[in-house]
Amino acid sequence: MINAKKLYAKIFSDERITAVIPENNILNAYPAEVEIFPCIIYLDENQSDGEYSDNKSGASGCSVMVHIFSKKLDGYVSTSDVAEVVAEVLNEKLWHCSQNREIGDPDPDTEHRVMVFNKSIFELNINS
């Protein structure tokens, strides 16, 4: 197993992402209520062992869930535009997007998009 939160923090501090979402609006835990817009919330969805050799795991199957929130009002970036940037950054690091969908929100002025990315992280390649 790896420290995935540390890896995700590095990924989501990429300047392309912070150019569209202020760094203070990028969270690694779900708040009780989303009150800042636009924002990204990334969650370590799953880590599983993989690629065994000599009865030891040589890789972690990582899955990160990304929630993107914004407002459907003038002056706010759309969740689709943010999703394009997030996908660009993660795809460049060879993460596979297995889910990308718009979620309904009780507030009609709020956009909520969920994305899930997966990658096997090998011990020798932990920084990518």
C-alpha atoms as a PDB file:
ATOM      1  CA  MET A   1       0.000   0.000   0.000  1.00  0.00           C
ATOM      2  CA  ILE A   2       1.103   3.547  -0.667  1.00  0.00           C
ATOM      3  CA  ASN A   3       0.266   6.902   0.859  1.00  0.00           C
ATOM      4  CA  ALA A   4      -2.288   7.795  -1.790  1.00  0.00           C
ATOM      5  CA  LYS A   5      -3.395  11.063  -0.132  1.00  0.00           C
ATOM      6  CA  LYS A   6       0.146  12.404  -0.543  1.00  0.00           C
ATOM      7  CA  LEU A   7       0.148  11.371  -4.196  1.00  0.00           C
ATOM      8  CA  TYR A   8      -3.281  12.944  -4.813  1.00  0.00           C
ATOM      9  CA  ALA A   9      -2.231  16.192  -3.098  1.00  0.00           C
ATOM     10  CA  LYS A  10       0.677  16.457  -5.540  1.00  0.00           C
ATOM     11  CA  ILE A  11      -1.562  15.753  -8.544  1.00  0.00           C
ATOM     12  CA  PHE A  12      -4.250  18.258  -7.551  1.00  0.00           C
ATOM     13  CA  SER A  13      -1.706  21.003  -6.877  1.00  0.00           C
ATOM     14  CA  ASP A  14      -0.816  20.995 -10.586  1.00  0.00           C
ATOM     15  CA  GLU A  15      -0.773  24.585 -11.850  1.00  0.00           C
ATOM     16  CA  ARG A  16      -3.260  23.778 -14.637  1.00  0.00           C
ATOM     17  CA  ILE A  17      -5.830  22.763 -12.025  1.00  0.00           C
ATOM     18  CA  THR A  18      -5.082  25.652  -9.672  1.00  0.00           C
ATOM     19  CA  ALA A  19      -5.464  28.025 -12.624  1.00  0.00           C
ATOM     20  CA  VAL A  20      -9.205  27.156 -12.785  1.00  0.00           C
ATOM     21  CA  ILE A  21      -9.880  26.287  -9.119  1.00  0.00           C
ATOM     22  CA  PRO A  22      -8.224  28.293  -6.323  1.00  0.00           C
ATOM     23  CA  GLU A  23      -5.868  26.105  -4.278  1.00  0.00           C
ATOM     24  CA  ASN A  24      -7.867  26.799  -1.080  1.00  0.00           C
ATOM     25  CA  ASN A  25     -10.935  25.345  -2.843  1.00  0.00           C
ATOM     26  CA  ILE A  26      -9.285  21.952  -3.442  1.00  0.00           C
ATOM     27  CA  LEU A  27     -10.168  19.643  -0.561  1.00  0.00           C
ATOM     28  CA  ASN A  28      -9.093  16.113   0.378  1.00  0.00           C
ATOM     29  CA  ALA A  29     -12.176  15.367   2.496  1.00  0.00           C
ATOM     30  CA  TYR A  30     -15.889  15.897   2.025  1.00  0.00           C
ATOM     31  CA  PRO A  31     -17.169  18.805   4.173  1.00  0.00           C
ATOM     32  CA  ALA A  32     -20.500  18.602   6.017  1.00  0.00           C
ATOM     33  CA  GLU A  33     -21.840  21.054   3.450  1.00  0.00           C
ATOM     34  CA  VAL A  34     -20.252  22.409   0.273  1.00  0.00           C
ATOM     35  CA  GLU A  35     -20.202  26.171   0.714  1.00  0.00           C
ATOM     36  CA  ILE A  36     -17.318  27.316  -1.498  1.00  0.00           C
ATOM     37  CA  PHE A  37     -17.636  27.458  -5.266  1.00  0.00           C
ATOM     38  CA  PRO A  38     -16.079  26.377  -7.492  1.00  0.00           C
ATOM     39  CA  CYS A  39     -14.360  23.526  -5.672  1.00  0.00           C
ATOM     40  CA  ILE A  40     -12.812  20.106  -6.129  1.00  0.00           C
ATOM     41  CA  ILE A  41     -13.068  17.376  -3.512  1.00  0.00           C
ATOM     42  CA  TYR A  42     -10.875  14.324  -4.111  1.00  0.00           C
ATOM     43  CA  LEU A  43     -11.365  11.118  -2.142  1.00  0.00           C
ATOM     44  CA  ASP A  44      -9.297   7.954  -1.926  1.00  0.00           C
ATOM     45  CA  GLU A  45     -12.011   5.578  -3.097  1.00  0.00           C
ATOM     46  CA  ASN A  46     -10.088   2.333  -3.085  1.00  0.00           C
ATOM     47  CA  GLN A  47      -6.633   0.839  -2.741  1.00  0.00           C
ATOM     48  CA  SER A  48      -6.074  -2.789  -3.443  1.00  0.00           C
ATOM     49  CA  ASP A  49      -2.970  -4.935  -3.645  1.00  0.00           C
ATOM     50  CA  GLY A  50      -1.866  -6.163  -7.031  1.00  0.00           C
ATOM     51  CA  GLU A  51       0.981  -7.591  -9.106  1.00  0.00           C
ATOM     52  CA  TYR A  52       2.231 -10.195  -6.646  1.00  0.00           C
ATOM     53  CA  SER A  53       5.765 -11.552  -6.643  1.00  0.00           C
ATOM     54  CA  ASP A  54       7.231 -13.818  -3.951  1.00  0.00           C
ATOM     55  CA  ASN A  55       3.942 -13.524  -2.001  1.00  0.00           C
ATOM     56  CA  LYS A  56       4.369  -9.754  -1.779  1.00  0.00           C
ATOM     57  CA  SER A  57       2.342  -7.087  -3.505  1.00  0.00           C
ATOM     58  CA  GLY A  58       4.415  -4.968  -5.862  1.00  0.00           C
ATOM     59  CA  ALA A  59       1.648  -2.530  -6.768  1.00  0.00           C
ATOM     60  CA  SER A  60      -1.400  -0.764  -5.427  1.00  0.00           C
ATOM     61  CA  GLY A  61      -4.561  -0.475  -7.473  1.00  0.00           C
ATOM     62  CA  CYS A  62      -5.578   3.104  -6.695  1.00  0.00           C
ATOM     63  CA  SER A  63      -8.930   4.700  -7.360  1.00  0.00           C
ATOM     64  CA  VAL A  64      -9.610   8.388  -6.716  1.00  0.00           C
ATOM     65  CA  MET A  65     -13.098   9.917  -6.815  1.00  0.00           C
ATOM     66  CA  VAL A  66     -13.228  13.576  -7.825  1.00  0.00           C
ATOM     67  CA  HIS A  67     -16.242  15.759  -7.019  1.00  0.00           C
ATOM     68  CA  ILE A  68     -16.410  19.078  -8.856  1.00  0.00           C
ATOM     69  CA  PHE A  69     -18.860  21.737  -7.702  1.00  0.00           C
ATOM     70  CA  SER A  70     -19.659  25.062  -9.319  1.00  0.00           C
ATOM     71  CA  LYS A  71     -22.547  27.426  -9.859  1.00  0.00           C
ATOM     72  CA  LYS A  72     -24.642  27.836 -13.022  1.00  0.00           C
ATOM     73  CA  LEU A  73     -24.213  31.587 -12.720  1.00  0.00           C
ATOM     74  CA  ASP A  74     -22.219  34.134 -14.689  1.00  0.00           C
ATOM     75  CA  GLY A  75     -18.629  34.353 -13.537  1.00  0.00           C
ATOM     76  CA  TYR A  76     -18.323  30.701 -12.441  1.00  0.00           C
ATOM     77  CA  VAL A  77     -16.347  28.103 -14.370  1.00  0.00           C
ATOM     78  CA  SER A  78     -18.448  25.130 -15.546  1.00  0.00           C
ATOM     79  CA  THR A  79     -17.869  21.673 -14.099  1.00  0.00           C
ATOM     80  CA  SER A  80     -17.315  20.407 -17.652  1.00  0.00           C
ATOM     81  CA  ASP A  81     -14.445  22.857 -18.181  1.00  0.00           C
ATOM     82  CA  VAL A  82     -12.868  21.851 -14.859  1.00  0.00           C
ATOM     83  CA  ALA A  83     -13.342  18.158 -15.736  1.00  0.00           C
ATOM     84  CA  GLU A  84     -11.405  18.660 -18.979  1.00  0.00           C
ATOM     85  CA  VAL A  85      -8.446  20.089 -17.078  1.00  0.00           C
ATOM     86  CA  VAL A  86      -8.562  17.382 -14.386  1.00  0.00           C
ATOM     87  CA  ALA A  87      -8.723  14.668 -17.067  1.00  0.00           C
ATOM     88  CA  GLU A  88      -5.816  16.237 -18.957  1.00  0.00           C
ATOM     89  CA  VAL A  89      -3.611  16.249 -15.845  1.00  0.00           C
ATOM     90  CA  LEU A  90      -4.503  12.717 -14.733  1.00  0.00           C
ATOM     91  CA  ASN A  91      -4.416  11.214 -18.243  1.00  0.00           C
ATOM     92  CA  GLU A  92      -0.940  12.676 -18.699  1.00  0.00           C
ATOM     93  CA  LYS A  93       0.074  10.655 -15.636  1.00  0.00           C
ATOM     94  CA  LEU A  94      -1.567   7.545 -17.165  1.00  0.00           C
ATOM     95  CA  TRP A  95      -4.665   7.474 -14.938  1.00  0.00           C
ATOM     96  CA  HIS A  96      -7.740   5.949 -16.585  1.00  0.00           C
ATOM     97  CA  CYS A  97     -11.095   7.754 -16.245  1.00  0.00           C
ATOM     98  CA  SER A  98     -13.728   5.089 -15.527  1.00  0.00           C
ATOM     99  CA  GLN A  99     -16.556   7.484 -14.656  1.00  0.00           C
ATOM    100  CA  ASN A 100     -17.475  11.059 -15.604  1.00  0.00           C
ATOM    101  CA  ARG A 101     -21.041  12.150 -14.968  1.00  0.00           C
ATOM    102  CA  GLU A 102     -23.161  15.093 -13.938  1.00  0.00           C
ATOM    103  CA  ILE A 103     -25.068  14.589 -10.670  1.00  0.00           C
ATOM    104  CA  GLY A 104     -28.304  16.359  -9.824  1.00  0.00           C
ATOM    105  CA  ASP A 105     -28.153  18.800  -6.922  1.00  0.00           C
ATOM    106  CA  PRO A 106     -31.040  20.023  -4.741  1.00  0.00           C
ATOM    107  CA  ASP A 107     -29.947  23.592  -5.473  1.00  0.00           C
ATOM    108  CA  PRO A 108     -30.901  24.338  -9.110  1.00  0.00           C
ATOM    109  CA  ASP A 109     -28.007  26.829  -9.374  1.00  0.00           C
ATOM    110  CA  THR A 110     -25.373  24.242  -8.383  1.00  0.00           C
ATOM    111  CA  GLU A 111     -23.508  21.963 -10.796  1.00  0.00           C
ATOM    112  CA  HIS A 112     -22.014  18.734  -9.428  1.00  0.00           C
ATOM    113  CA  ARG A 113     -19.845  16.410 -11.525  1.00  0.00           C
ATOM    114  CA  VAL A 114     -18.265  13.152 -10.340  1.00  0.00           C
ATOM    115  CA  MET A 115     -15.234  11.544 -11.946  1.00  0.00           C
ATOM    116  CA  VAL A 116     -13.381   8.363 -10.994  1.00  0.00           C
ATOM    117  CA  PHE A 117      -9.802   7.650 -12.065  1.00  0.00           C
ATOM    118  CA  ASN A 118      -7.896   4.363 -11.673  1.00  0.00           C
ATOM    119  CA  LYS A 119      -4.266   3.370 -11.922  1.00  0.00           C
ATOM    120  CA  SER A 120      -1.954   0.593 -10.747  1.00  0.00           C
ATOM    121  CA  ILE A 121       0.929   2.250  -8.933  1.00  0.00           C
ATOM    122  CA  PHE A 122       4.069   0.136  -8.860  1.00  0.00           C
ATOM    123  CA  GLU A 123       6.550   0.597  -6.009  1.00  0.00           C
ATOM    124  CA  LEU A 124       9.249   1.595  -8.480  1.00  0.00           C
ATOM    125  CA  ASN A 125       6.986   4.248 -10.036  1.00  0.00           C
ATOM    126  CA  ILE A 126       5.392   5.789  -6.923  1.00  0.00           C
ATOM    127  CA  ASN A 127       5.811   9.454  -7.912  1.00  0.00           C
ATOM    128  CA  SER A 128       3.679   9.362 -11.069  1.00  0.00           C
END
